[in-house]
N, C-alpha and C. Protein backbone atom coordinates (compact mmCIF):
# COMPACT_ATOMS: atom_id res chain seq x y z
N MET A 1 0.84 -1.18 0.00
CA MET A 1 0.00 0.00 0.00
C MET A 1 0.89 1.24 0.00
N LYS A 2 0.55 2.22 -0.81
CA LYS A 2 1.33 3.44 -0.92
C LYS A 2 0.67 4.55 -0.10
N LEU A 3 1.47 5.29 0.65
CA LEU A 3 0.98 6.39 1.48
C LEU A 3 1.27 7.72 0.81
N LYS A 4 0.30 8.60 0.78
CA LYS A 4 0.49 9.95 0.23
C LYS A 4 -0.06 10.94 1.26
N PRO A 5 0.82 11.48 2.13
CA PRO A 5 0.34 12.44 3.12
C PRO A 5 -0.09 13.75 2.48
N LEU A 6 -0.91 14.50 3.19
CA LEU A 6 -1.41 15.77 2.70
C LEU A 6 -0.63 16.94 3.29
N PHE A 7 -0.67 18.06 2.58
CA PHE A 7 -0.11 19.34 3.04
C PHE A 7 1.36 19.20 3.44
N ASP A 8 1.71 19.66 4.65
CA ASP A 8 3.11 19.66 5.09
C ASP A 8 3.40 18.47 6.01
N ARG A 9 2.68 17.38 5.80
CA ARG A 9 2.85 16.20 6.64
C ARG A 9 3.98 15.31 6.11
N VAL A 10 4.60 14.57 7.04
CA VAL A 10 5.69 13.64 6.73
C VAL A 10 5.33 12.30 7.36
N VAL A 11 5.48 11.21 6.60
CA VAL A 11 5.27 9.86 7.14
C VAL A 11 6.63 9.28 7.47
N VAL A 12 6.78 8.80 8.72
CA VAL A 12 8.03 8.20 9.14
C VAL A 12 7.79 6.79 9.64
N LYS A 13 8.83 5.97 9.53
CA LYS A 13 8.77 4.58 9.98
C LYS A 13 9.85 4.40 11.05
N ALA A 14 9.46 3.80 12.17
CA ALA A 14 10.40 3.59 13.27
C ALA A 14 11.53 2.67 12.84
N LEU A 15 12.73 2.99 13.28
CA LEU A 15 13.88 2.13 13.03
C LEU A 15 13.98 1.12 14.16
N PRO A 16 14.38 -0.10 13.85
CA PRO A 16 14.50 -1.09 14.92
C PRO A 16 15.60 -0.67 15.89
N ASP A 17 15.32 -0.82 17.18
CA ASP A 17 16.32 -0.49 18.18
C ASP A 17 16.28 -1.51 19.30
N LYS A 18 17.35 -1.56 20.07
CA LYS A 18 17.44 -2.48 21.19
C LYS A 18 17.06 -1.74 22.46
N PRO A 19 16.53 -2.46 23.45
CA PRO A 19 16.20 -1.80 24.71
C PRO A 19 17.46 -1.20 25.34
N GLU A 20 17.32 0.00 25.88
CA GLU A 20 18.43 0.65 26.57
C GLU A 20 18.64 0.00 27.93
N LYS A 21 19.89 -0.19 28.30
CA LYS A 21 20.20 -0.79 29.59
C LYS A 21 21.19 0.08 30.36
N ILE A 22 21.02 0.11 31.66
CA ILE A 22 22.01 0.69 32.56
C ILE A 22 22.31 -0.40 33.57
N GLY A 23 23.49 -0.98 33.47
CA GLY A 23 23.82 -2.12 34.33
C GLY A 23 22.87 -3.27 34.03
N ASN A 24 22.15 -3.73 35.04
CA ASN A 24 21.18 -4.81 34.87
C ASN A 24 19.76 -4.30 34.77
N ILE A 25 19.58 -2.98 34.67
CA ILE A 25 18.24 -2.40 34.61
C ILE A 25 17.91 -2.03 33.18
N ILE A 26 16.78 -2.54 32.68
CA ILE A 26 16.30 -2.18 31.34
C ILE A 26 15.34 -1.01 31.51
N LEU A 27 15.61 0.08 30.81
CA LEU A 27 14.76 1.25 30.92
C LEU A 27 13.44 1.03 30.21
N PRO A 28 12.32 1.50 30.78
CA PRO A 28 11.02 1.34 30.13
C PRO A 28 10.91 2.19 28.87
N GLU A 29 9.98 1.81 27.99
CA GLU A 29 9.76 2.52 26.72
C GLU A 29 9.52 4.01 26.92
N ILE A 30 8.82 4.38 27.97
CA ILE A 30 8.44 5.78 28.16
C ILE A 30 9.64 6.69 28.34
N THR A 31 10.78 6.14 28.76
CA THR A 31 11.97 6.97 28.95
C THR A 31 12.73 7.19 27.66
N LYS A 32 12.34 6.52 26.59
CA LYS A 32 13.08 6.61 25.34
C LYS A 32 12.46 7.63 24.39
N ALA A 33 12.64 8.91 24.68
CA ALA A 33 12.18 9.98 23.80
C ALA A 33 13.37 10.88 23.56
N PRO A 34 13.55 11.48 22.45
CA PRO A 34 12.70 11.47 21.26
C PRO A 34 12.89 10.21 20.41
N GLU A 35 12.06 10.08 19.39
CA GLU A 35 12.09 8.93 18.50
C GLU A 35 13.04 9.17 17.32
N ILE A 36 13.68 8.10 16.84
CA ILE A 36 14.50 8.16 15.63
C ILE A 36 13.80 7.32 14.58
N CYS A 37 13.50 7.93 13.43
CA CYS A 37 12.74 7.25 12.38
C CYS A 37 13.33 7.59 11.01
N GLU A 38 12.81 6.88 10.01
CA GLU A 38 13.20 7.13 8.62
C GLU A 38 12.00 7.72 7.89
N VAL A 39 12.24 8.77 7.10
CA VAL A 39 11.19 9.40 6.31
C VAL A 39 10.85 8.49 5.13
N VAL A 40 9.55 8.14 4.98
CA VAL A 40 9.14 7.25 3.89
C VAL A 40 8.21 7.93 2.89
N ALA A 41 7.62 9.08 3.25
CA ALA A 41 6.74 9.80 2.31
C ALA A 41 6.61 11.25 2.74
N LEU A 42 6.44 12.13 1.76
CA LEU A 42 6.26 13.56 2.01
C LEU A 42 4.95 14.03 1.39
N GLY A 43 4.34 15.03 2.03
CA GLY A 43 3.13 15.62 1.49
C GLY A 43 3.45 16.48 0.27
N VAL A 44 2.49 17.31 -0.12
CA VAL A 44 2.66 18.14 -1.31
C VAL A 44 3.38 19.45 -1.01
N GLY A 45 3.64 19.73 0.27
CA GLY A 45 4.35 20.95 0.63
C GLY A 45 3.49 22.18 0.52
N ASP A 46 2.27 22.10 1.00
CA ASP A 46 1.32 23.20 0.90
C ASP A 46 0.83 23.58 2.30
N VAL A 47 1.02 24.84 2.70
CA VAL A 47 0.54 25.32 3.98
C VAL A 47 -0.30 26.57 3.73
N ASP A 48 -1.57 26.50 4.10
CA ASP A 48 -2.49 27.63 3.91
C ASP A 48 -2.49 28.16 2.48
N GLY A 49 -2.42 27.25 1.51
CA GLY A 49 -2.46 27.64 0.10
C GLY A 49 -1.13 28.12 -0.45
N LYS A 50 -0.08 28.11 0.35
CA LYS A 50 1.24 28.57 -0.11
C LYS A 50 2.19 27.38 -0.18
N ALA A 51 2.93 27.31 -1.28
CA ALA A 51 3.88 26.21 -1.46
C ALA A 51 5.08 26.42 -0.54
N VAL A 52 5.52 25.32 0.07
CA VAL A 52 6.71 25.36 0.92
C VAL A 52 7.63 24.21 0.52
N ASN A 53 8.91 24.41 0.70
CA ASN A 53 9.90 23.36 0.42
C ASN A 53 10.20 22.59 1.69
N PHE A 54 10.29 21.28 1.59
CA PHE A 54 10.62 20.45 2.74
C PHE A 54 12.12 20.52 3.02
N SER A 55 12.48 20.48 4.29
CA SER A 55 13.88 20.42 4.71
C SER A 55 14.38 18.98 4.75
N VAL A 56 13.45 18.02 4.72
CA VAL A 56 13.81 16.61 4.75
C VAL A 56 13.47 15.98 3.41
N LYS A 57 14.05 14.80 3.17
CA LYS A 57 13.72 14.07 1.94
C LYS A 57 13.51 12.60 2.31
N ILE A 58 12.91 11.86 1.43
CA ILE A 58 12.67 10.44 1.67
C ILE A 58 14.00 9.73 1.88
N GLY A 59 14.06 8.91 2.92
CA GLY A 59 15.28 8.19 3.26
C GLY A 59 16.07 8.83 4.39
N ASP A 60 15.79 10.10 4.71
CA ASP A 60 16.48 10.77 5.83
C ASP A 60 16.13 10.10 7.15
N LYS A 61 17.11 10.02 8.04
CA LYS A 61 16.88 9.57 9.41
C LYS A 61 16.65 10.84 10.23
N VAL A 62 15.53 10.90 10.93
CA VAL A 62 15.16 12.11 11.67
C VAL A 62 14.83 11.80 13.12
N ILE A 63 14.91 12.82 13.95
CA ILE A 63 14.52 12.74 15.35
C ILE A 63 13.33 13.65 15.55
N PHE A 64 12.30 13.12 16.20
CA PHE A 64 11.15 13.96 16.53
C PHE A 64 10.63 13.58 17.90
N ASN A 65 9.84 14.46 18.49
CA ASN A 65 9.30 14.22 19.82
C ASN A 65 8.41 12.99 19.81
N LYS A 66 8.58 12.13 20.78
CA LYS A 66 7.84 10.87 20.87
C LYS A 66 6.32 11.07 20.83
N TYR A 67 5.83 12.18 21.34
CA TYR A 67 4.39 12.37 21.46
C TYR A 67 3.81 13.20 20.31
N ALA A 68 4.59 13.49 19.28
CA ALA A 68 4.10 14.23 18.11
C ALA A 68 3.43 13.27 17.14
N GLY A 69 2.44 13.75 16.42
CA GLY A 69 1.85 13.01 15.33
C GLY A 69 0.85 11.94 15.71
N SER A 70 0.46 11.17 14.69
CA SER A 70 -0.52 10.09 14.84
C SER A 70 0.10 8.78 14.39
N GLU A 71 0.03 7.77 15.24
CA GLU A 71 0.61 6.47 14.91
C GLU A 71 -0.44 5.55 14.32
N PHE A 72 -0.02 4.70 13.38
CA PHE A 72 -0.91 3.71 12.78
C PHE A 72 -0.07 2.56 12.23
N LYS A 73 -0.73 1.48 11.88
CA LYS A 73 -0.05 0.28 11.38
C LYS A 73 -0.68 -0.12 10.06
N ILE A 74 0.16 -0.39 9.06
CA ILE A 74 -0.28 -0.90 7.76
C ILE A 74 0.58 -2.11 7.42
N ASP A 75 -0.06 -3.22 7.09
CA ASP A 75 0.64 -4.46 6.73
C ASP A 75 1.68 -4.84 7.78
N GLY A 76 1.37 -4.64 9.06
CA GLY A 76 2.25 -5.03 10.15
C GLY A 76 3.41 -4.08 10.41
N VAL A 77 3.46 -2.95 9.72
CA VAL A 77 4.55 -1.98 9.90
C VAL A 77 3.98 -0.74 10.60
N ASP A 78 4.68 -0.27 11.64
CA ASP A 78 4.26 0.93 12.37
C ASP A 78 4.75 2.19 11.68
N TYR A 79 3.86 3.13 11.47
CA TYR A 79 4.16 4.42 10.87
C TYR A 79 3.65 5.53 11.78
N THR A 80 4.18 6.74 11.59
CA THR A 80 3.69 7.92 12.27
C THR A 80 3.61 9.04 11.25
N ILE A 81 2.51 9.79 11.28
CA ILE A 81 2.38 10.99 10.44
C ILE A 81 2.58 12.19 11.34
N ILE A 82 3.54 13.05 10.95
CA ILE A 82 3.83 14.24 11.74
C ILE A 82 3.91 15.44 10.81
N LYS A 83 3.81 16.63 11.37
CA LYS A 83 4.06 17.84 10.60
C LYS A 83 5.57 18.03 10.54
N GLU A 84 6.05 18.61 9.45
CA GLU A 84 7.49 18.79 9.32
C GLU A 84 8.05 19.63 10.47
N LYS A 85 7.31 20.58 10.97
CA LYS A 85 7.82 21.44 12.05
C LYS A 85 8.04 20.67 13.35
N ASP A 86 7.47 19.44 13.47
CA ASP A 86 7.68 18.62 14.66
C ASP A 86 8.99 17.82 14.61
N ILE A 87 9.69 17.86 13.47
CA ILE A 87 10.98 17.19 13.35
C ILE A 87 12.05 18.06 14.02
N LEU A 88 12.79 17.45 14.94
CA LEU A 88 13.79 18.19 15.71
C LEU A 88 15.14 18.26 15.02
N ALA A 89 15.52 17.18 14.30
CA ALA A 89 16.83 17.13 13.67
C ALA A 89 16.90 16.04 12.61
N ILE A 90 17.84 16.21 11.68
CA ILE A 90 18.16 15.18 10.69
C ILE A 90 19.49 14.57 11.10
N LEU A 91 19.55 13.24 11.17
CA LEU A 91 20.80 12.55 11.50
C LEU A 91 21.65 12.42 10.25
N GLU A 92 22.88 12.90 10.32
CA GLU A 92 23.79 12.81 9.19
C GLU A 92 24.97 11.94 9.56
N LYS A 93 25.56 11.29 8.56
CA LYS A 93 26.73 10.43 8.81
C LYS A 93 27.97 11.24 8.91
């Protein structure tokens, strides 16, 4: 299934990660914010009828606040739709 977000929305897919540990203590999921994801789709870049250019592109690894956007699952894969302004940073090599 192909996703086509609207306006200035970005679809991201969570990257697999291992549970964080400190000694013998495994930290709960709630302590692991912000999220690191991969951009899989971009909207049309339209805000209030004005065209805008995205700062991210498909394939970028990004960090965004864990509680931003709407989460959903398609074909067993977890996705999140967020506004581009909710992206905190792009991870570069």
